[in-house]
Amino acid sequence: MNNMKKMILFALVLSFVNLAQAQSEKFKSAMKMNISSIDSSYTNPQNLLSLSNSFERIGNAEKSQWLPYYYAALMQLNYGFMQKDMSGGDQYADKASSLLQKADSLVPNNSEISCLKSMIATVRMLVQPQARYMQYGPDIETNLEAAKKQDPSNPRPYYLKGENLKNTPEQFGGGCAAASESLKIAKEKFNSFKPASDLSPNWGAQRVNILISGCK
């Protein structure tokens, strides 16, 4: 009888392991498909919002994974940055913030999440740059500095700082000269950066090269 119980228990454990593995593969497959679609979506920005919704659905189905919410927030922000009229940027920042809160609750003190927090503050500032700089400028800097400390190998906080400086008028301390050091460090870090997994954030290197070339 004891042997029969052990066999039943073993069968149950094995079925749970197989189910978990199948769910994990389904998650990875869905994530890889979405991630592979990001670059091509920039030619039709509306697709970024569709991708955001898709990532969010994956997150809501998995609940314990932070990356779907991270990417969903990133798509909202990238769409916001691509608008010619930034006056409506708050709606994308609001959505990104609500998504990022879910990611942040799963992995606090994460460098990649801090980078997106700085991007949220940037989108909000760009709605009315002169009126909002004093409010959101410190948030941008604070989150980028946090990102550097949370993962010193991460090139993205240096890239974002460099891009912010390049896009800031020279009379306010920006321009290519001001951005050059951060962009140089970002490029060096991208050369040696290895993402934690094939689903982990791995964007920005191409943009850094474009920014550096634009400053020559």
C-alpha atoms as a PDB file:
ATOM      1  CA  MET A   1       0.000   0.000   0.000  1.00  0.00           C
ATOM      2  CA  ASN A   2       2.824   2.355   0.872  1.00  0.00           C
ATOM      3  CA  ASN A   3       4.443   1.666  -2.496  1.00  0.00           C
ATOM      4  CA  MET A   4       1.172   2.504  -4.253  1.00  0.00           C
ATOM      5  CA  LYS A   5       0.932   5.834  -2.396  1.00  0.00           C
ATOM      6  CA  LYS A   6       4.517   6.647  -3.329  1.00  0.00           C
ATOM      7  CA  MET A   7       3.832   5.878  -6.984  1.00  0.00           C
ATOM      8  CA  ILE A   8       0.718   8.082  -6.989  1.00  0.00           C
ATOM      9  CA  LEU A   9       2.607  10.904  -5.277  1.00  0.00           C
ATOM     10  CA  PHE A  10       5.477  10.611  -7.757  1.00  0.00           C
ATOM     11  CA  ALA A  11       3.050  10.712 -10.682  1.00  0.00           C
ATOM     12  CA  LEU A  12       1.390  13.841  -9.281  1.00  0.00           C
ATOM     13  CA  VAL A  13       4.710  15.582  -8.740  1.00  0.00           C
ATOM     14  CA  LEU A  14       5.838  14.649 -12.252  1.00  0.00           C
ATOM     15  CA  SER A  15       2.626  15.998 -13.772  1.00  0.00           C
ATOM     16  CA  PHE A  16       3.050  19.316 -11.923  1.00  0.00           C
ATOM     17  CA  VAL A  17       6.670  19.586 -13.108  1.00  0.00           C
ATOM     18  CA  ASN A  18       5.647  18.895 -16.705  1.00  0.00           C
ATOM     19  CA  LEU A  19       2.830  21.450 -16.486  1.00  0.00           C
ATOM     20  CA  ALA A  20       5.187  24.103 -15.063  1.00  0.00           C
ATOM     21  CA  GLN A  21       7.717  23.440 -17.823  1.00  0.00           C
ATOM     22  CA  ALA A  22       5.034  23.707 -20.504  1.00  0.00           C
ATOM     23  CA  GLN A  23       3.795  27.011 -19.044  1.00  0.00           C
ATOM     24  CA  SER A  24       7.373  28.320 -18.872  1.00  0.00           C
ATOM     25  CA  GLU A  25       7.996  27.457 -22.533  1.00  0.00           C
ATOM     26  CA  LYS A  26       4.707  29.087 -23.539  1.00  0.00           C
ATOM     27  CA  PHE A  27       5.720  32.244 -21.645  1.00  0.00           C
ATOM     28  CA  LYS A  28       9.169  32.352 -23.234  1.00  0.00           C
ATOM     29  CA  SER A  29       7.763  31.773 -26.713  1.00  0.00           C
ATOM     30  CA  ALA A  30       5.215  34.586 -26.369  1.00  0.00           C
ATOM     31  CA  MET A  31       7.821  36.966 -24.971  1.00  0.00           C
ATOM     32  CA  LYS A  32      10.366  36.191 -27.696  1.00  0.00           C
ATOM     33  CA  MET A  33       7.773  36.750 -30.404  1.00  0.00           C
ATOM     34  CA  ASN A  34       6.838  40.155 -28.982  1.00  0.00           C
ATOM     35  CA  ILE A  35      10.446  41.226 -28.394  1.00  0.00           C
ATOM     36  CA  SER A  36      11.365  40.290 -31.973  1.00  0.00           C
ATOM     37  CA  SER A  37       8.571  42.575 -33.210  1.00  0.00           C
ATOM     38  CA  ILE A  38       9.730  45.709 -31.376  1.00  0.00           C
ATOM     39  CA  ASP A  39      12.225  47.080 -33.900  1.00  0.00           C
ATOM     40  CA  SER A  40       9.883  46.766 -36.885  1.00  0.00           C
ATOM     41  CA  SER A  41       7.110  48.496 -34.918  1.00  0.00           C
ATOM     42  CA  TYR A  42       8.918  51.829 -35.071  1.00  0.00           C
ATOM     43  CA  THR A  43       7.945  52.144 -38.752  1.00  0.00           C
ATOM     44  CA  ASN A  44       4.300  52.081 -37.647  1.00  0.00           C
ATOM     45  CA  PRO A  45       4.283  53.515 -34.115  1.00  0.00           C
ATOM     46  CA  GLN A  46       0.685  52.483 -33.448  1.00  0.00           C
ATOM     47  CA  ASN A  47       2.017  48.921 -33.313  1.00  0.00           C
ATOM     48  CA  LEU A  48       3.966  49.872 -30.187  1.00  0.00           C
ATOM     49  CA  LEU A  49       0.665  50.278 -28.331  1.00  0.00           C
ATOM     50  CA  SER A  50      -0.530  46.909 -29.639  1.00  0.00           C
ATOM     51  CA  LEU A  51       2.705  45.358 -28.391  1.00  0.00           C
ATOM     52  CA  SER A  52       2.252  47.074 -25.032  1.00  0.00           C
ATOM     53  CA  ASN A  53      -1.187  45.520 -24.691  1.00  0.00           C
ATOM     54  CA  SER A  54       0.199  42.115 -25.661  1.00  0.00           C
ATOM     55  CA  PHE A  55       3.001  42.324 -23.095  1.00  0.00           C
ATOM     56  CA  GLU A  56       0.494  43.406 -20.451  1.00  0.00           C
ATOM     57  CA  ARG A  57      -1.727  40.387 -21.193  1.00  0.00           C
ATOM     58  CA  ILE A  58       1.278  38.100 -20.745  1.00  0.00           C
ATOM     59  CA  GLY A  59       2.066  39.785 -17.432  1.00  0.00           C
ATOM     60  CA  ASN A  60      -1.489  39.449 -16.182  1.00  0.00           C
ATOM     61  CA  ALA A  61      -1.483  35.765 -17.120  1.00  0.00           C
ATOM     62  CA  GLU A  62       1.858  35.045 -15.435  1.00  0.00           C
ATOM     63  CA  LYS A  63       1.555  37.487 -12.491  1.00  0.00           C
ATOM     64  CA  SER A  64       5.008  36.593 -11.077  1.00  0.00           C
ATOM     65  CA  GLN A  65       7.069  37.808 -14.054  1.00  0.00           C
ATOM     66  CA  TRP A  66       8.271  41.417 -14.122  1.00  0.00           C
ATOM     67  CA  LEU A  67       9.574  41.576 -17.694  1.00  0.00           C
ATOM     68  CA  PRO A  68       6.167  41.647 -19.452  1.00  0.00           C
ATOM     69  CA  TYR A  69       5.148  44.719 -17.432  1.00  0.00           C
ATOM     70  CA  TYR A  70       8.557  46.299 -18.048  1.00  0.00           C
ATOM     71  CA  TYR A  71       8.263  45.896 -21.815  1.00  0.00           C
ATOM     72  CA  ALA A  72       4.624  47.015 -21.789  1.00  0.00           C
ATOM     73  CA  ALA A  73       5.702  50.225 -20.052  1.00  0.00           C
ATOM     74  CA  LEU A  74       8.656  50.695 -22.415  1.00  0.00           C
ATOM     75  CA  MET A  75       6.355  50.471 -25.457  1.00  0.00           C
ATOM     76  CA  GLN A  76       4.066  53.158 -23.996  1.00  0.00           C
ATOM     77  CA  LEU A  77       7.036  55.454 -23.401  1.00  0.00           C
ATOM     78  CA  ASN A  78       8.577  54.916 -26.824  1.00  0.00           C
ATOM     79  CA  TYR A  79       5.237  55.666 -28.425  1.00  0.00           C
ATOM     80  CA  GLY A  80       4.988  58.824 -26.320  1.00  0.00           C
ATOM     81  CA  PHE A  81       8.469  59.974 -27.379  1.00  0.00           C
ATOM     82  CA  MET A  82       7.572  59.506 -31.046  1.00  0.00           C
ATOM     83  CA  GLN A  83       4.666  61.957 -30.937  1.00  0.00           C
ATOM     84  CA  LYS A  84       5.262  65.233 -32.759  1.00  0.00           C
ATOM     85  CA  ASP A  85       2.945  66.955 -30.291  1.00  0.00           C
ATOM     86  CA  MET A  86       4.049  66.067 -26.754  1.00  0.00           C
ATOM     87  CA  SER A  87       1.128  67.858 -25.105  1.00  0.00           C
ATOM     88  CA  GLY A  88      -0.668  64.528 -24.687  1.00  0.00           C
ATOM     89  CA  GLY A  89       2.327  62.776 -23.162  1.00  0.00           C
ATOM     90  CA  ASP A  90       0.856  62.429 -19.690  1.00  0.00           C
ATOM     91  CA  GLN A  91      -1.510  59.663 -20.771  1.00  0.00           C
ATOM     92  CA  TYR A  92       1.398  57.484 -21.917  1.00  0.00           C
ATOM     93  CA  ALA A  93       3.408  58.330 -18.810  1.00  0.00           C
ATOM     94  CA  ASP A  94       0.395  57.449 -16.627  1.00  0.00           C
ATOM     95  CA  LYS A  95      -0.069  54.074 -18.318  1.00  0.00           C
ATOM     96  CA  ALA A  96       3.647  53.318 -18.192  1.00  0.00           C
ATOM     97  CA  SER A  97       3.746  54.252 -14.515  1.00  0.00           C
ATOM     98  CA  SER A  98       0.868  51.905 -13.611  1.00  0.00           C
ATOM     99  CA  LEU A  99       2.549  49.052 -15.505  1.00  0.00           C
ATOM    100  CA  LEU A 100       5.948  49.761 -13.991  1.00  0.00           C
ATOM    101  CA  GLN A 101       4.515  49.737 -10.474  1.00  0.00           C
ATOM    102  CA  LYS A 102       3.625  46.066 -11.024  1.00  0.00           C
ATOM    103  CA  ALA A 103       7.140  45.283 -12.242  1.00  0.00           C
ATOM    104  CA  ASP A 104       8.652  47.250  -9.353  1.00  0.00           C
ATOM    105  CA  SER A 105       6.606  45.292  -6.810  1.00  0.00           C
ATOM    106  CA  LEU A 106       8.091  42.052  -8.158  1.00  0.00           C
ATOM    107  CA  VAL A 107      11.743  43.184  -8.373  1.00  0.00           C
ATOM    108  CA  PRO A 108      12.416  46.297  -6.243  1.00  0.00           C
ATOM    109  CA  ASN A 109      15.620  48.291  -6.701  1.00  0.00           C
ATOM    110  CA  ASN A 110      16.072  47.147 -10.287  1.00  0.00           C
ATOM    111  CA  SER A 111      18.357  49.176 -12.556  1.00  0.00           C
ATOM    112  CA  GLU A 112      16.264  48.660 -15.693  1.00  0.00           C
ATOM    113  CA  ILE A 113      13.098  49.751 -13.898  1.00  0.00           C
ATOM    114  CA  SER A 114      14.857  52.859 -12.582  1.00  0.00           C
ATOM    115  CA  CYS A 115      15.792  53.716 -16.184  1.00  0.00           C
ATOM    116  CA  LEU A 116      12.134  53.583 -17.181  1.00  0.00           C
ATOM    117  CA  LYS A 117      11.177  55.719 -14.174  1.00  0.00           C
ATOM    118  CA  SER A 118      13.549  58.372 -15.507  1.00  0.00           C
ATOM    119  CA  MET A 119      11.936  58.053 -18.950  1.00  0.00           C
ATOM    120  CA  ILE A 120       8.474  58.547 -17.424  1.00  0.00           C
ATOM    121  CA  ALA A 121       9.688  61.760 -15.803  1.00  0.00           C
ATOM    122  CA  THR A 122      11.191  62.856 -19.140  1.00  0.00           C
ATOM    123  CA  VAL A 123       7.919  62.332 -21.004  1.00  0.00           C
ATOM    124  CA  ARG A 124       6.064  64.335 -18.349  1.00  0.00           C
ATOM    125  CA  MET A 125       8.604  67.148 -18.532  1.00  0.00           C
ATOM    126  CA  LEU A 126       8.387  67.332 -22.331  1.00  0.00           C
ATOM    127  CA  VAL A 127       4.653  68.085 -22.119  1.00  0.00           C
ATOM    128  CA  GLN A 128       5.653  71.592 -20.959  1.00  0.00           C
ATOM    129  CA  PRO A 129       9.462  71.727 -20.695  1.00  0.00           C
ATOM    130  CA  GLN A 130       9.867  75.228 -19.278  1.00  0.00           C
ATOM    131  CA  ALA A 131       7.030  74.920 -16.783  1.00  0.00           C
ATOM    132  CA  ARG A 132       7.832  71.378 -15.675  1.00  0.00           C
ATOM    133  CA  TYR A 133      11.621  71.192 -15.634  1.00  0.00           C
ATOM    134  CA  MET A 134      11.936  72.102 -11.945  1.00  0.00           C
ATOM    135  CA  GLN A 135       9.366  69.441 -11.058  1.00  0.00           C
ATOM    136  CA  TYR A 136      10.585  66.509 -13.158  1.00  0.00           C
ATOM    137  CA  GLY A 137      14.251  67.326 -13.831  1.00  0.00           C
ATOM    138  CA  PRO A 138      15.340  66.047 -10.378  1.00  0.00           C
ATOM    139  CA  ASP A 139      13.291  62.844 -10.850  1.00  0.00           C
ATOM    140  CA  ILE A 140      15.097  62.144 -14.111  1.00  0.00           C
ATOM    141  CA  GLU A 141      18.526  62.544 -12.518  1.00  0.00           C
ATOM    142  CA  THR A 142      17.668  60.702  -9.290  1.00  0.00           C
ATOM    143  CA  ASN A 143      16.414  57.629 -11.118  1.00  0.00           C
ATOM    144  CA  LEU A 144      19.372  57.539 -13.504  1.00  0.00           C
ATOM    145  CA  GLU A 145      21.814  57.749 -10.588  1.00  0.00           C
ATOM    146  CA  ALA A 146      19.898  54.972  -8.831  1.00  0.00           C
ATOM    147  CA  ALA A 147      20.087  52.840 -11.979  1.00  0.00           C
ATOM    148  CA  LYS A 148      23.873  53.265 -12.121  1.00  0.00           C
ATOM    149  CA  LYS A 149      24.276  52.137  -8.511  1.00  0.00           C
ATOM    150  CA  GLN A 150      21.829  49.239  -8.794  1.00  0.00           C
ATOM    151  CA  ASP A 151      23.771  47.753 -11.725  1.00  0.00           C
ATOM    152  CA  PRO A 152      27.115  49.416 -12.537  1.00  0.00           C
ATOM    153  CA  SER A 153      27.416  47.290 -15.705  1.00  0.00           C
ATOM    154  CA  ASN A 154      24.153  48.609 -17.178  1.00  0.00           C
ATOM    155  CA  PRO A 155      24.869  50.974 -20.106  1.00  0.00           C
ATOM    156  CA  ARG A 156      21.312  52.324 -20.368  1.00  0.00           C
ATOM    157  CA  PRO A 157      21.434  54.977 -17.614  1.00  0.00           C
ATOM    158  CA  TYR A 158      24.519  56.471 -19.278  1.00  0.00           C
ATOM    159  CA  TYR A 159      22.853  56.329 -22.685  1.00  0.00           C
ATOM    160  CA  LEU A 160      19.692  58.017 -21.382  1.00  0.00           C
ATOM    161  CA  LYS A 161      21.689  60.711 -19.604  1.00  0.00           C
ATOM    162  CA  GLY A 162      23.704  61.323 -22.773  1.00  0.00           C
ATOM    163  CA  GLU A 163      20.618  61.587 -24.941  1.00  0.00           C
ATOM    164  CA  ASN A 164      18.929  63.921 -22.460  1.00  0.00           C
ATOM    165  CA  LEU A 165      21.977  66.202 -22.445  1.00  0.00           C
ATOM    166  CA  LYS A 166      22.301  66.162 -26.231  1.00  0.00           C
ATOM    167  CA  ASN A 167      18.665  67.221 -26.582  1.00  0.00           C
ATOM    168  CA  THR A 168      19.052  69.996 -23.992  1.00  0.00           C
ATOM    169  CA  PRO A 169      19.915  73.439 -25.435  1.00  0.00           C
ATOM    170  CA  GLU A 170      23.500  74.529 -24.849  1.00  0.00           C
ATOM    171  CA  GLN A 171      22.399  77.621 -22.948  1.00  0.00           C
ATOM    172  CA  PHE A 172      20.889  75.281 -20.353  1.00  0.00           C
ATOM    173  CA  GLY A 173      23.985  73.110 -20.016  1.00  0.00           C
ATOM    174  CA  GLY A 174      23.270  70.641 -22.809  1.00  0.00           C
ATOM    175  CA  GLY A 175      24.534  69.919 -26.308  1.00  0.00           C
ATOM    176  CA  CYS A 176      27.051  67.498 -27.748  1.00  0.00           C
ATOM    177  CA  ALA A 177      29.977  68.604 -25.599  1.00  0.00           C
ATOM    178  CA  ALA A 178      27.989  68.049 -22.424  1.00  0.00           C
ATOM    179  CA  ALA A 179      26.696  64.681 -23.625  1.00  0.00           C
ATOM    180  CA  SER A 180      29.981  63.263 -24.903  1.00  0.00           C
ATOM    181  CA  GLU A 181      31.274  61.738 -21.645  1.00  0.00           C
ATOM    182  CA  SER A 182      28.029  59.885 -20.851  1.00  0.00           C
ATOM    183  CA  LEU A 183      27.700  58.631 -24.434  1.00  0.00           C
ATOM    184  CA  LYS A 184      31.330  57.447 -24.423  1.00  0.00           C
ATOM    185  CA  ILE A 185      30.795  55.508 -21.189  1.00  0.00           C
ATOM    186  CA  ALA A 186      27.561  54.064 -22.557  1.00  0.00           C
ATOM    187  CA  LYS A 187      29.324  52.831 -25.694  1.00  0.00           C
ATOM    188  CA  GLU A 188      32.102  51.218 -23.663  1.00  0.00           C
ATOM    189  CA  LYS A 189      29.585  49.483 -21.407  1.00  0.00           C
ATOM    190  CA  PHE A 190      27.499  48.282 -24.345  1.00  0.00           C
ATOM    191  CA  ASN A 191      30.627  46.666 -25.817  1.00  0.00           C
ATOM    192  CA  SER A 192      30.940  44.397 -22.773  1.00  0.00           C
ATOM    193  CA  PHE A 193      27.302  44.171 -21.659  1.00  0.00           C
ATOM    194  CA  LYS A 194      25.694  40.732 -21.492  1.00  0.00           C
ATOM    195  CA  PRO A 195      21.946  40.573 -20.756  1.00  0.00           C
ATOM    196  CA  ALA A 196      20.927  38.203 -17.965  1.00  0.00           C
ATOM    197  CA  SER A 197      18.805  36.140 -20.367  1.00  0.00           C
ATOM    198  CA  ASP A 198      17.533  36.208 -23.937  1.00  0.00           C
ATOM    199  CA  LEU A 199      14.404  37.957 -22.611  1.00  0.00           C
ATOM    200  CA  SER A 200      16.261  40.618 -20.627  1.00  0.00           C
ATOM    201  CA  PRO A 201      16.540  44.264 -21.784  1.00  0.00           C
ATOM    202  CA  ASN A 202      19.197  44.701 -24.449  1.00  0.00           C
ATOM    203  CA  TRP A 203      18.369  47.945 -26.238  1.00  0.00           C
ATOM    204  CA  GLY A 204      20.095  51.284 -26.807  1.00  0.00           C
ATOM    205  CA  ALA A 205      23.466  50.399 -28.368  1.00  0.00           C
ATOM    206  CA  GLN A 206      22.456  51.368 -31.898  1.00  0.00           C
ATOM    207  CA  ARG A 207      20.971  54.621 -30.680  1.00  0.00           C
ATOM    208  CA  VAL A 208      24.190  55.513 -28.839  1.00  0.00           C
ATOM    209  CA  ASN A 209      26.163  55.087 -32.066  1.00  0.00           C
ATOM    210  CA  ILE A 210      23.693  57.350 -33.887  1.00  0.00           C
ATOM    211  CA  LEU A 211      23.995  60.020 -31.197  1.00  0.00           C
ATOM    212  CA  ILE A 212      27.791  59.879 -31.208  1.00  0.00           C
ATOM    213  CA  SER A 213      27.888  60.109 -35.017  1.00  0.00           C
ATOM    214  CA  GLY A 214      25.510  63.065 -34.903  1.00  0.00           C
ATOM    215  CA  CYS A 215      27.907  64.937 -32.647  1.00  0.00           C
ATOM    216  CA  LYS A 216      30.988  64.567 -34.854  1.00  0.00           C
END
